[in-house]
Amino acid sequence: MEYDGFHKNANRIFCVKTEGISGNKGFQALSAPLLAGDMLREKFPSIEAATFTADFFKEKKIKVSYNQKDFYEDGNIIV
């Protein structure tokens, strides 16, 4: 994963990929159900931690403030 390459142990970071069928179309997504993290940690004790992302702002711009500057971003996710 290019976006996590700066972490000291980047080779130990994994992303869950889901494949399925919705209606009559197949899909792939870099996501899983919210409780998948807990289930995977129980099944695989070597998993040290799990997190999730949420795409709540897909259609909306949100205001971001940093160092007394404001700007607007769209296409955001929550981690």
Protein backbone atom coordinates (compact mmCIF):
# COMPACT_ATOMS: atom_id res chain seq x y z
CA MET A 1 0.00 0.00 0.00
CA GLU A 2 1.67 3.14 -1.19
CA TYR A 3 -0.19 5.45 1.20
CA ASP A 4 1.07 3.62 4.34
CA GLY A 5 4.68 3.29 3.17
CA PHE A 6 5.95 5.90 5.62
CA HIS A 7 5.17 3.73 8.67
CA LYS A 8 8.10 2.01 10.36
CA ASN A 9 6.45 -1.43 9.98
CA ALA A 10 4.51 -0.77 6.76
CA ASN A 11 5.01 -4.38 5.69
CA ARG A 12 2.78 -5.39 8.62
CA ILE A 13 -0.22 -3.27 7.55
CA PHE A 14 -2.97 -5.04 5.61
CA CYS A 15 -6.24 -4.03 4.03
CA VAL A 16 -9.31 -6.27 3.79
CA LYS A 17 -10.79 -6.71 0.33
CA THR A 18 -14.43 -7.74 -0.04
CA GLU A 19 -15.81 -9.40 -3.16
CA GLY A 20 -19.49 -10.08 -3.69
CA ILE A 21 -22.55 -9.78 -5.85
CA SER A 22 -25.14 -7.03 -5.56
CA GLY A 23 -28.20 -7.63 -7.69
CA ASN A 24 -26.71 -9.25 -10.75
CA LYS A 25 -23.40 -7.35 -10.71
CA GLY A 26 -20.16 -8.41 -9.09
CA PHE A 27 -18.19 -5.91 -7.05
CA GLN A 28 -14.89 -5.54 -5.22
CA ALA A 29 -14.25 -3.09 -2.41
CA LEU A 30 -11.43 -2.35 -0.01
CA SER A 31 -13.84 -2.68 2.87
CA ALA A 32 -15.52 -5.16 5.16
CA PRO A 33 -18.41 -5.14 7.62
CA LEU A 34 -17.74 -3.08 10.75
CA LEU A 35 -17.49 -6.12 13.05
CA ALA A 36 -14.99 -7.90 10.78
CA GLY A 37 -12.06 -6.44 12.74
CA ASP A 38 -13.20 -8.05 16.00
CA MET A 39 -13.93 -11.37 14.28
CA LEU A 40 -10.55 -11.45 12.53
CA ARG A 41 -8.70 -10.60 15.76
CA GLU A 42 -10.45 -13.49 17.52
CA LYS A 43 -9.69 -15.93 14.70
CA PHE A 44 -6.10 -14.75 14.13
CA PRO A 45 -4.43 -13.80 17.44
CA SER A 46 -1.39 -12.45 15.58
CA ILE A 47 -3.47 -9.43 14.54
CA GLU A 48 -2.41 -6.73 16.98
CA ALA A 49 -4.97 -4.05 16.10
CA ALA A 50 -7.74 -3.25 13.66
CA THR A 51 -9.44 -0.08 12.54
CA PHE A 52 -12.10 0.92 10.04
CA THR A 53 -12.83 3.72 7.64
CA ALA A 54 -16.16 5.33 6.94
CA ASP A 55 -17.12 7.27 3.83
CA PHE A 56 -19.68 9.61 5.42
CA PHE A 57 -18.79 12.66 3.33
CA LYS A 58 -18.88 11.25 -0.18
CA GLU A 59 -21.12 13.96 -1.58
CA LYS A 60 -20.31 16.81 0.79
CA LYS A 61 -17.40 19.14 1.28
CA ILE A 62 -16.20 19.50 4.85
CA LYS A 63 -14.36 22.37 6.43
CA VAL A 64 -10.85 21.56 7.61
CA SER A 65 -8.95 23.96 9.88
CA TYR A 66 -5.20 23.81 10.45
CA ASN A 67 -2.80 26.44 11.77
CA GLN A 68 -5.56 29.06 11.79
CA LYS A 69 -6.33 28.41 8.11
CA ASP A 70 -9.60 27.01 6.80
CA PHE A 71 -10.12 25.08 3.60
CA TYR A 72 -12.71 22.71 2.18
CA GLU A 73 -12.15 19.11 1.12
CA ASP A 74 -14.42 16.62 -0.58
CA GLY A 75 -14.23 12.85 -1.04
CA ASN A 76 -13.21 12.37 2.60
CA ILE A 77 -13.17 9.28 4.78
CA ILE A 78 -12.96 8.87 8.52
CA VAL A 79 -10.33 6.51 9.95
